[in-house]
Amino acid sequence: AQNAPNGAITNRDPNDTPESRTAQIFAVMDEDNNG
């Protein structure tokens, strides 16, 4: 995911929560399914 927040890499971002990460994963899957 090119648009992934830095927290996904550093694992230090306080906003990088399981909820937000899950939302991002579903958003990417949604993009893939919808072309």
PDB file of N, CA and C in Angstrom:
ATOM      1  N   ALA A   1       0.857  -1.202   0.000  1.00  0.00           N
ATOM      2  CA  ALA A   1       0.000   0.000   0.000  1.00  0.00           C
ATOM      3  C   ALA A   1       0.885   1.241   0.000  1.00  0.00           C
ATOM      4  N   GLN A   2       0.919   1.918  -1.097  1.00  0.00           N
ATOM      5  CA  GLN A   2       1.800   3.073  -1.226  1.00  0.00           C
ATOM      6  C   GLN A   2       1.360   4.208  -0.311  1.00  0.00           C
ATOM      7  N   ASN A   3       0.065   4.254   0.009  1.00  0.00           N
ATOM      8  CA  ASN A   3      -0.456   5.352   0.818  1.00  0.00           C
ATOM      9  C   ASN A   3      -0.522   4.997   2.297  1.00  0.00           C
ATOM     10  N   ALA A   4       0.111   3.891   2.684  1.00  0.00           N
ATOM     11  CA  ALA A   4       0.079   3.491   4.084  1.00  0.00           C
ATOM     12  C   ALA A   4       0.787   4.537   4.940  1.00  0.00           C
ATOM     13  N   PRO A   5       0.248   4.834   6.104  1.00  0.00           N
ATOM     14  CA  PRO A   5       0.882   5.808   6.995  1.00  0.00           C
ATOM     15  C   PRO A   5       2.226   5.294   7.487  1.00  0.00           C
ATOM     16  N   ASN A   6       3.089   6.212   7.891  1.00  0.00           N
ATOM     17  CA  ASN A   6       4.415   5.821   8.360  1.00  0.00           C
ATOM     18  C   ASN A   6       4.316   4.872   9.555  1.00  0.00           C
ATOM     19  N   GLY A   7       3.255   4.999  10.333  1.00  0.00           N
ATOM     20  CA  GLY A   7       3.085   4.159  11.509  1.00  0.00           C
ATOM     21  C   GLY A   7       3.065   2.683  11.153  1.00  0.00           C
ATOM     22  N   ALA A   8       2.597   2.377   9.941  1.00  0.00           N
ATOM     23  CA  ALA A   8       2.552   0.977   9.532  1.00  0.00           C
ATOM     24  C   ALA A   8       3.963   0.430   9.382  1.00  0.00           C
ATOM     25  N   ILE A   9       4.928   1.327   9.174  1.00  0.00           N
ATOM     26  CA  ILE A   9       6.322   0.907   8.993  1.00  0.00           C
ATOM     27  C   ILE A   9       7.072   0.990  10.324  1.00  0.00           C
ATOM     28  N   THR A  10       6.918   2.096  11.030  1.00  0.00           N
ATOM     29  CA  THR A  10       7.671   2.326  12.262  1.00  0.00           C
ATOM     30  C   THR A  10       7.019   1.646  13.460  1.00  0.00           C
ATOM     31  N   ASN A  11       5.712   1.414  13.383  1.00  0.00           N
ATOM     32  CA  ASN A  11       4.941   0.836  14.482  1.00  0.00           C
ATOM     33  C   ASN A  11       5.012   1.745  15.710  1.00  0.00           C
ATOM     34  N   ARG A  12       5.196   3.049  15.497  1.00  0.00           N
ATOM     35  CA  ARG A  12       5.298   4.002  16.597  1.00  0.00           C
ATOM     36  C   ARG A  12       4.169   5.028  16.559  1.00  0.00           C
ATOM     37  N   ASP A  13       3.379   5.012  15.496  1.00  0.00           N
ATOM     38  CA  ASP A  13       2.323   6.019  15.326  1.00  0.00           C
ATOM     39  C   ASP A  13       1.165   5.723  16.278  1.00  0.00           C
ATOM     40  N   PRO A  14       0.831   6.640  17.178  1.00  0.00           N
ATOM     41  CA  PRO A  14      -0.261   6.405  18.132  1.00  0.00           C
ATOM     42  C   PRO A  14      -1.599   6.227  17.435  1.00  0.00           C
ATOM     43  N   ASN A  15      -1.714   6.691  16.181  1.00  0.00           N
ATOM     44  CA  ASN A  15      -2.957   6.541  15.428  1.00  0.00           C
ATOM     45  C   ASN A  15      -3.011   5.209  14.697  1.00  0.00           C
ATOM     46  N   ASP A  16      -1.917   4.462  14.725  1.00  0.00           N
ATOM     47  CA  ASP A  16      -1.875   3.184  14.020  1.00  0.00           C
ATOM     48  C   ASP A  16      -2.468   2.109  14.920  1.00  0.00           C
ATOM     49  N   THR A  17      -3.776   2.136  15.060  1.00  0.00           N
ATOM     50  CA  THR A  17      -4.471   1.192  15.932  1.00  0.00           C
ATOM     51  C   THR A  17      -4.964   0.007  15.120  1.00  0.00           C
ATOM     52  N   PRO A  18      -5.278  -1.110  15.761  1.00  0.00           N
ATOM     53  CA  PRO A  18      -5.830  -2.258  15.027  1.00  0.00           C
ATOM     54  C   PRO A  18      -7.069  -1.876  14.227  1.00  0.00           C
ATOM     55  N   GLU A  19      -7.894  -0.982  14.786  1.00  0.00           N
ATOM     56  CA  GLU A  19      -9.113  -0.573  14.091  1.00  0.00           C
ATOM     57  C   GLU A  19      -8.778   0.162  12.804  1.00  0.00           C
ATOM     58  N   SER A  20      -7.861   1.142  12.895  1.00  0.00           N
ATOM     59  CA  SER A  20      -7.529   1.924  11.707  1.00  0.00           C
ATOM     60  C   SER A  20      -6.822   1.047  10.684  1.00  0.00           C
ATOM     61  N   ARG A  21      -5.987   0.131  11.166  1.00  0.00           N
ATOM     62  CA  ARG A  21      -5.268  -0.755  10.238  1.00  0.00           C
ATOM     63  C   ARG A  21      -6.252  -1.661   9.518  1.00  0.00           C
ATOM     64  N   THR A  22      -7.235  -2.191  10.269  1.00  0.00           N
ATOM     65  CA  THR A  22      -8.251  -3.046   9.653  1.00  0.00           C
ATOM     66  C   THR A  22      -9.044  -2.259   8.621  1.00  0.00           C
ATOM     67  N   ALA A  23      -9.390  -1.014   8.954  1.00  0.00           N
ATOM     68  CA  ALA A  23     -10.142  -0.182   8.020  1.00  0.00           C
ATOM     69  C   ALA A  23      -9.338   0.032   6.743  1.00  0.00           C
ATOM     70  N   GLN A  24      -8.032   0.242   6.891  1.00  0.00           N
ATOM     71  CA  GLN A  24      -7.187   0.451   5.715  1.00  0.00           C
ATOM     72  C   GLN A  24      -7.139  -0.817   4.870  1.00  0.00           C
ATOM     73  N   ILE A  25      -7.041  -1.970   5.533  1.00  0.00           N
ATOM     74  CA  ILE A  25      -6.973  -3.237   4.797  1.00  0.00           C
ATOM     75  C   ILE A  25      -8.259  -3.432   4.000  1.00  0.00           C
ATOM     76  N   PHE A  26      -9.411  -3.182   4.630  1.00  0.00           N
ATOM     77  CA  PHE A  26     -10.674  -3.347   3.918  1.00  0.00           C
ATOM     78  C   PHE A  26     -10.796  -2.340   2.783  1.00  0.00           C
ATOM     79  N   ALA A  27     -10.274  -1.129   2.990  1.00  0.00           N
ATOM     80  CA  ALA A  27     -10.334  -0.119   1.936  1.00  0.00           C
ATOM     81  C   ALA A  27      -9.522  -0.571   0.731  1.00  0.00           C
ATOM     82  N   VAL A  28      -8.357  -1.159   0.987  1.00  0.00           N
ATOM     83  CA  VAL A  28      -7.521  -1.638  -0.119  1.00  0.00           C
ATOM     84  C   VAL A  28      -8.207  -2.796  -0.831  1.00  0.00           C
ATOM     85  N   MET A  29      -8.785  -3.721  -0.055  1.00  0.00           N
ATOM     86  CA  MET A  29      -9.480  -4.844  -0.677  1.00  0.00           C
ATOM     87  C   MET A  29     -10.658  -4.341  -1.496  1.00  0.00           C
ATOM     88  N   ASP A  30     -11.333  -3.310  -1.013  1.00  0.00           N
ATOM     89  CA  ASP A  30     -12.479  -2.754  -1.726  1.00  0.00           C
ATOM     90  C   ASP A  30     -12.012  -2.156  -3.046  1.00  0.00           C
ATOM     91  N   GLU A  31     -10.872  -1.472  -3.026  1.00  0.00           N
ATOM     92  CA  GLU A  31     -10.329  -0.902  -4.258  1.00  0.00           C
ATOM     93  C   GLU A  31      -9.997  -2.021  -5.243  1.00  0.00           C
ATOM     94  N   ASP A  32      -9.418  -3.099  -4.738  1.00  0.00           N
ATOM     95  CA  ASP A  32      -9.046  -4.207  -5.619  1.00  0.00           C
ATOM     96  C   ASP A  32     -10.290  -4.839  -6.243  1.00  0.00           C
ATOM     97  N   ASN A  33     -11.331  -5.020  -5.444  1.00  0.00           N
ATOM     98  CA  ASN A  33     -12.536  -5.676  -5.945  1.00  0.00           C
ATOM     99  C   ASN A  33     -13.274  -4.802  -6.948  1.00  0.00           C
ATOM    100  N   ASN A  34     -13.163  -3.488  -6.795  1.00  0.00           N
ATOM    101  CA  ASN A  34     -13.900  -2.572  -7.659  1.00  0.00           C
ATOM    102  C   ASN A  34     -13.048  -2.036  -8.802  1.00  0.00           C
ATOM    103  N   GLY A  35     -11.847  -2.556  -8.943  1.00  0.00           N
ATOM    104  CA  GLY A  35     -10.985  -2.089 -10.021  1.00  0.00           C
ATOM    105  C   GLY A  35     -10.498  -0.699  -9.760  1.00  0.00           C
TER     106      GLY A  35
END
